[in-house]
Amino acid sequence: MAERCFIHSDRESFAPCHSCGKYFCEECLMEGEEYYYCREEHCQTLKAEEMDRLRLAKERKERDSDLIKQKWKEKTRRFYRKTPIALGFVWVWLTVVLFIFVAHLDLQKLYVVLLLSLFGCIKGFIVVWLLRNIFYKPFWEWWISRDETARRKTVDAAKQNLLRIVEKMGPR
């Protein structure tokens, strides 16, 4: 047998109130973000708390996303600041190595060695850049978001413990 509305006993119920658990028809219920609530004051308070909790969670997620983007921009700036220096060292090293191994070339063809080493450095930079953006960035974003979530859980647990201690102490 189907449940009946708590207020309108002649109607079939639509769903129970998430707060009080009583069954109500569709007309008597108000829809929250996740659940249905009746029109009683206590239940409406819980509905407002649910809406606030979900709004705060959404804001926190957006803030964390912005923080991750900002950290990635900082890492990118450092990457591009250090890259020319590293490429300069690699180019000199590669030029020396190529010149040693291609010693049978005369000095007139030194520009060939310089161009080969320069192209090698540019190719290496492109490969590093692609690897960084294809593999490293998604992993880094996951790792940072994991750390932010763990940090947030620790802070939330500490707040809950502090509230419990204050409640136990009672009024003075």
Protein backbone atom coordinates (compact mmCIF):
# COMPACT_ATOMS: atom_id res chain seq x y z
CA MET A 1 0.00 0.00 0.00
CA ALA A 2 1.36 3.43 -0.98
CA GLU A 3 2.03 6.04 1.66
CA ARG A 4 -0.36 8.99 2.00
CA CYS A 5 0.48 12.68 2.30
CA PHE A 6 0.87 13.76 5.94
CA ILE A 7 -1.27 16.90 5.36
CA HIS A 8 -3.62 15.76 2.58
CA SER A 9 -4.65 12.24 3.59
CA ASP A 10 -6.66 11.81 0.38
CA ARG A 11 -3.55 12.11 -1.82
CA GLU A 12 -0.72 9.66 -2.47
CA SER A 13 2.65 10.78 -1.23
CA PHE A 14 5.33 11.92 -3.63
CA ALA A 15 8.40 11.52 -1.41
CA PRO A 16 9.45 11.75 2.23
CA CYS A 17 10.87 14.93 3.70
CA HIS A 18 14.61 14.49 4.06
CA SER A 19 14.60 16.16 7.46
CA CYS A 20 11.59 14.79 9.36
CA GLY A 21 10.97 11.65 7.29
CA LYS A 22 7.22 12.24 6.93
CA TYR A 23 5.63 11.56 3.55
CA PHE A 24 4.10 14.44 1.59
CA CYS A 25 2.43 15.02 -1.78
CA GLU A 26 4.20 16.98 -4.50
CA GLU A 27 2.33 20.17 -3.56
CA CYS A 28 3.55 20.06 0.05
CA LEU A 29 7.23 19.45 -0.69
CA MET A 30 9.88 21.96 -1.66
CA GLU A 31 12.84 20.82 -3.71
CA GLY A 32 16.33 21.38 -2.38
CA GLU A 33 19.53 20.82 -4.34
CA GLU A 34 19.69 17.12 -3.43
CA TYR A 35 16.54 16.29 -1.45
CA TYR A 36 12.91 17.25 -0.85
CA TYR A 37 11.83 19.15 2.27
CA CYS A 38 8.43 19.91 3.78
CA ARG A 39 7.34 23.43 4.73
CA GLU A 40 7.98 23.12 8.48
CA GLU A 41 10.40 25.69 9.88
CA HIS A 42 12.98 23.15 11.09
CA CYS A 43 12.99 21.37 7.74
CA GLN A 44 13.33 24.67 5.84
CA THR A 45 16.31 25.53 8.06
CA LEU A 46 17.97 22.25 7.06
CA LYS A 47 17.16 22.99 3.41
CA ALA A 48 18.88 26.39 3.73
CA GLU A 49 21.89 24.72 5.37
CA GLU A 50 22.04 22.23 2.51
CA MET A 51 21.95 25.05 -0.04
CA ASP A 52 24.70 26.93 1.84
CA ARG A 53 26.83 23.78 2.14
CA LEU A 54 26.57 23.07 -1.59
CA ARG A 55 27.22 26.73 -2.49
CA LEU A 56 30.32 26.77 -0.28
CA ALA A 57 31.53 23.49 -1.80
CA LYS A 58 31.11 24.95 -5.29
CA GLU A 59 32.97 28.14 -4.31
CA ARG A 60 35.75 26.09 -2.70
CA LYS A 61 36.10 23.98 -5.85
CA GLU A 62 36.32 27.11 -8.02
CA ARG A 63 38.85 28.68 -5.63
CA ASP A 64 40.95 25.49 -5.65
CA SER A 65 40.78 25.41 -9.44
CA ASP A 66 41.95 29.03 -9.62
CA LEU A 67 44.74 28.27 -7.15
CA ILE A 68 45.92 25.31 -9.25
CA LYS A 69 45.90 27.46 -12.40
CA GLN A 70 47.88 30.18 -10.61
CA LYS A 71 50.48 27.68 -9.36
CA TRP A 72 50.82 26.21 -12.86
CA LYS A 73 51.41 29.70 -14.30
CA GLU A 74 54.16 30.27 -11.74
CA LYS A 75 55.79 26.94 -12.65
CA THR A 76 55.49 27.84 -16.34
CA ARG A 77 57.21 31.20 -15.78
CA ARG A 78 60.08 29.46 -13.97
CA PHE A 79 60.28 26.87 -16.76
CA TYR A 80 60.60 29.55 -19.45
CA ARG A 81 63.09 31.58 -17.36
CA LYS A 82 65.43 28.61 -16.90
CA THR A 83 65.02 27.09 -20.37
CA PRO A 84 67.22 29.53 -22.34
CA ILE A 85 70.09 29.03 -19.87
CA ALA A 86 69.79 25.24 -20.05
CA LEU A 87 69.52 25.35 -23.85
CA GLY A 88 72.66 27.48 -24.05
CA PHE A 89 74.65 24.96 -22.01
CA VAL A 90 73.26 22.03 -24.03
CA TRP A 91 74.03 23.79 -27.30
CA VAL A 92 77.65 24.43 -26.32
CA TRP A 93 78.03 20.85 -25.03
CA LEU A 94 76.42 19.36 -28.15
CA THR A 95 78.59 21.53 -30.41
CA VAL A 96 81.77 20.38 -28.66
CA VAL A 97 80.71 16.70 -28.78
CA LEU A 98 79.75 16.89 -32.45
CA PHE A 99 82.99 18.68 -33.29
CA ILE A 100 85.02 16.01 -31.50
CA PHE A 101 83.19 13.09 -33.14
CA VAL A 102 83.09 14.74 -36.51
CA ALA A 103 86.78 15.71 -36.39
CA HIS A 104 87.35 14.71 -39.99
CA LEU A 105 85.41 17.82 -41.05
CA ASP A 106 87.58 20.80 -41.66
CA LEU A 107 87.02 24.08 -39.87
CA GLN A 108 85.30 25.45 -42.96
CA LYS A 109 82.32 23.20 -42.21
CA LEU A 110 82.03 24.30 -38.58
CA TYR A 111 78.72 26.02 -39.39
CA VAL A 112 77.28 22.57 -40.19
CA VAL A 113 78.20 21.37 -36.70
CA LEU A 114 76.71 24.52 -35.16
CA LEU A 115 73.48 24.14 -37.12
CA LEU A 116 73.20 20.43 -36.27
CA SER A 117 73.67 21.11 -32.58
CA LEU A 118 71.21 24.05 -32.69
CA PHE A 119 68.57 21.90 -34.39
CA GLY A 120 69.21 19.17 -31.82
CA CYS A 121 68.63 21.65 -28.98
CA ILE A 122 65.44 23.00 -30.55
CA LYS A 123 64.16 19.47 -31.12
CA GLY A 124 65.00 18.60 -27.51
CA PHE A 125 63.16 21.69 -26.25
CA ILE A 126 60.07 20.78 -28.27
CA VAL A 127 60.12 17.22 -26.92
CA VAL A 128 60.51 18.45 -23.32
CA TRP A 129 57.71 20.99 -23.79
CA LEU A 130 55.37 18.35 -25.24
CA LEU A 131 56.16 15.86 -22.48
CA ARG A 132 55.65 18.55 -19.86
CA ASN A 133 52.24 19.59 -21.18
CA ILE A 134 50.91 16.16 -22.14
CA PHE A 135 52.07 14.03 -19.21
CA TYR A 136 53.40 16.18 -16.39
CA LYS A 137 50.67 18.87 -16.19
CA PRO A 138 47.69 16.49 -15.67
CA PHE A 139 49.64 14.50 -13.09
CA TRP A 140 50.76 17.68 -11.32
CA GLU A 141 47.18 19.06 -11.24
CA TRP A 142 45.93 15.78 -9.79
CA TRP A 143 48.70 15.76 -7.18
CA ILE A 144 48.10 19.37 -6.12
CA SER A 145 44.32 18.93 -5.92
CA ARG A 146 44.89 15.78 -3.84
CA ASP A 147 47.09 17.77 -1.47
CA GLU A 148 44.53 20.59 -1.25
CA THR A 149 41.77 18.08 -0.46
CA ALA A 150 43.85 16.41 2.24
CA ARG A 151 44.76 19.78 3.73
CA ARG A 152 41.12 20.88 3.70
CA LYS A 153 40.01 17.62 5.38
CA THR A 154 42.65 18.11 8.08
CA VAL A 155 41.53 21.70 8.71
CA ASP A 156 37.85 20.66 8.80
CA ALA A 157 38.61 17.87 11.27
CA ALA A 158 40.56 20.28 13.46
CA LYS A 159 37.64 22.73 13.44
CA GLN A 160 35.21 19.95 14.40
CA ASN A 161 37.47 18.85 17.27
CA LEU A 162 37.76 22.43 18.50
CA LEU A 163 33.97 22.85 18.40
CA ARG A 164 33.50 19.61 20.37
CA ILE A 165 35.98 20.78 23.02
CA VAL A 166 34.22 24.17 23.31
CA GLU A 167 30.82 22.44 23.60
CA LYS A 168 32.14 20.15 26.35
CA MET A 169 33.48 23.12 28.27
CA GLY A 170 30.02 24.67 28.26
CA PRO A 171 29.14 28.21 29.30
CA ARG A 172 31.28 29.85 31.96
